[in-house]
Amino acid sequence: ELESCCRHLNHIQKQLNEAQDSLHDSIQLRSQLEDDLTIARSKILDLEDELTKQRKEQRMLGKKYMELKEENYTIKTRQLRSHSTTPATPIPSQLTKSLWMILGQLFMIFGWCQ
């Protein structure tokens, strides 16, 4: 009967050791998952900062675009109102280049956002 009790105790000890190993593995896995979660949260904050920066840049480009559009309208209006026999003054090429550049940047921003 003593022998049977010893075998039973050994069996219980073996199960206890397996349970401790499993618990240790679970603790390590939880630690790794917590580390991964911290990294993911950091990346999310970085992405939110980048998005905020891009939105601010988008607003600034929109304002600049509207300013240039208004300037272009003013120049064209002056040209149409001019009754002189000389041909209308062409829009400065720098203004045209700036308008196209801003349109291109707006297109890239809106393209990336979609």
Protein backbone atom coordinates (compact mmCIF):
# COMPACT_ATOMS: atom_id res chain seq x y z
CA GLU A 1 0.00 0.00 0.00
CA LEU A 2 2.94 2.34 0.75
CA GLU A 3 4.33 1.61 -2.70
CA SER A 4 1.02 2.55 -4.29
CA CYS A 5 0.94 5.82 -2.38
CA CYS A 6 4.50 6.63 -3.52
CA ARG A 7 3.58 5.99 -7.16
CA HIS A 8 0.53 8.16 -6.78
CA LEU A 9 2.62 10.97 -5.21
CA ASN A 10 5.19 10.68 -8.03
CA HIS A 11 2.41 10.93 -10.58
CA ILE A 12 1.03 14.03 -8.81
CA GLN A 13 4.56 15.54 -8.70
CA LYS A 14 4.98 14.92 -12.44
CA GLN A 15 1.64 16.66 -13.16
CA LEU A 16 2.64 19.55 -10.90
CA ASN A 17 5.94 19.97 -12.78
CA GLU A 18 4.11 19.97 -16.12
CA ALA A 19 1.66 22.57 -14.82
CA GLN A 20 4.54 24.76 -13.60
CA ASP A 21 6.23 24.52 -17.03
CA SER A 22 2.97 25.44 -18.75
CA LEU A 23 2.49 28.39 -16.39
CA HIS A 24 6.05 29.57 -17.08
CA ASP A 25 5.45 29.38 -20.86
CA SER A 26 2.20 31.32 -20.47
CA ILE A 27 3.94 34.03 -18.45
CA GLN A 28 6.63 34.37 -21.14
CA LEU A 29 4.00 34.53 -23.88
CA ARG A 30 2.06 37.21 -21.98
CA SER A 31 5.24 39.26 -21.54
CA GLN A 32 5.97 39.03 -25.28
CA LEU A 33 2.39 40.02 -26.13
CA GLU A 34 2.61 43.02 -23.79
CA ASP A 35 5.86 44.09 -25.50
CA ASP A 36 4.21 43.71 -28.92
CA LEU A 37 1.22 45.75 -27.72
CA THR A 38 3.51 48.53 -26.50
CA ILE A 39 5.28 48.63 -29.88
CA ALA A 40 1.93 48.68 -31.72
CA ARG A 41 0.66 51.54 -29.55
CA SER A 42 3.83 53.51 -30.26
CA LYS A 43 3.42 52.96 -34.01
CA ILE A 44 -0.22 54.08 -33.80
CA LEU A 45 0.84 57.30 -32.06
CA ASP A 46 3.49 57.89 -34.73
CA LEU A 47 0.91 57.34 -37.48
CA GLU A 48 -1.55 59.70 -35.78
CA ASP A 49 1.19 62.35 -35.60
CA GLU A 50 1.99 61.85 -39.28
CA LEU A 51 -1.69 62.08 -40.20
CA THR A 52 -2.05 65.31 -38.21
CA LYS A 53 1.01 66.71 -39.96
CA GLN A 54 -0.34 65.75 -43.39
CA ARG A 55 -3.74 67.26 -42.63
CA LYS A 56 -2.08 70.50 -41.55
CA GLU A 57 0.01 70.51 -44.73
CA GLN A 58 -3.12 69.78 -46.77
CA ARG A 59 -4.91 72.77 -45.21
CA MET A 60 -1.91 75.00 -45.90
CA LEU A 61 -1.72 73.81 -49.52
CA GLY A 62 -5.46 74.38 -49.90
CA LYS A 63 -5.09 77.94 -48.61
CA LYS A 64 -2.12 78.57 -50.90
CA TYR A 65 -4.06 77.12 -53.83
CA MET A 66 -7.00 79.43 -53.13
CA GLU A 67 -4.67 82.43 -52.86
CA LEU A 68 -3.05 81.61 -56.19
CA LYS A 69 -6.43 80.93 -57.78
CA GLU A 70 -7.66 84.31 -56.58
CA GLU A 71 -4.47 85.97 -57.85
CA ASN A 72 -4.92 84.25 -61.21
CA TYR A 73 -8.54 85.43 -61.36
CA THR A 74 -7.45 89.00 -60.56
CA ILE A 75 -4.84 88.94 -63.33
CA LYS A 76 -7.33 87.57 -65.86
CA THR A 77 -9.94 90.14 -64.79
CA ARG A 78 -7.45 92.96 -65.30
CA GLN A 79 -6.59 91.59 -68.72
CA LEU A 80 -10.24 91.47 -69.76
CA ARG A 81 -10.90 94.98 -68.49
CA SER A 82 -7.95 96.39 -70.33
CA HIS A 83 -9.14 98.20 -73.47
CA SER A 84 -5.73 99.04 -74.81
CA THR A 85 -4.67 97.94 -78.25
CA THR A 86 -1.73 96.08 -76.82
CA PRO A 87 -2.22 92.39 -76.24
CA ALA A 88 -3.11 91.27 -72.76
CA THR A 89 -0.24 90.68 -70.40
CA PRO A 90 0.40 86.96 -70.15
CA ILE A 91 0.20 85.30 -66.75
CA PRO A 92 3.70 85.07 -65.34
CA SER A 93 5.06 81.61 -65.97
CA GLN A 94 6.16 81.33 -62.33
CA LEU A 95 2.54 81.70 -61.21
CA THR A 96 1.45 79.00 -63.65
CA LYS A 97 4.20 76.68 -62.46
CA SER A 98 3.22 77.31 -58.83
CA LEU A 99 -0.43 76.52 -59.57
CA TRP A 100 0.48 73.23 -61.27
CA MET A 101 2.87 72.31 -58.47
CA ILE A 102 0.21 72.90 -55.81
CA LEU A 103 -2.38 70.99 -57.83
CA GLY A 104 0.06 68.09 -58.11
CA GLN A 105 0.74 68.12 -54.37
CA LEU A 106 -2.98 68.21 -53.58
CA PHE A 107 -3.53 65.30 -55.94
CA MET A 108 -0.78 63.28 -54.23
CA ILE A 109 -2.18 64.02 -50.75
CA PHE A 110 -5.73 63.13 -51.73
CA GLY A 111 -4.46 60.06 -53.56
CA TRP A 112 -2.59 58.86 -50.47
CA CYS A 113 -5.55 59.49 -48.18
CA GLN A 114 -7.83 57.23 -50.21
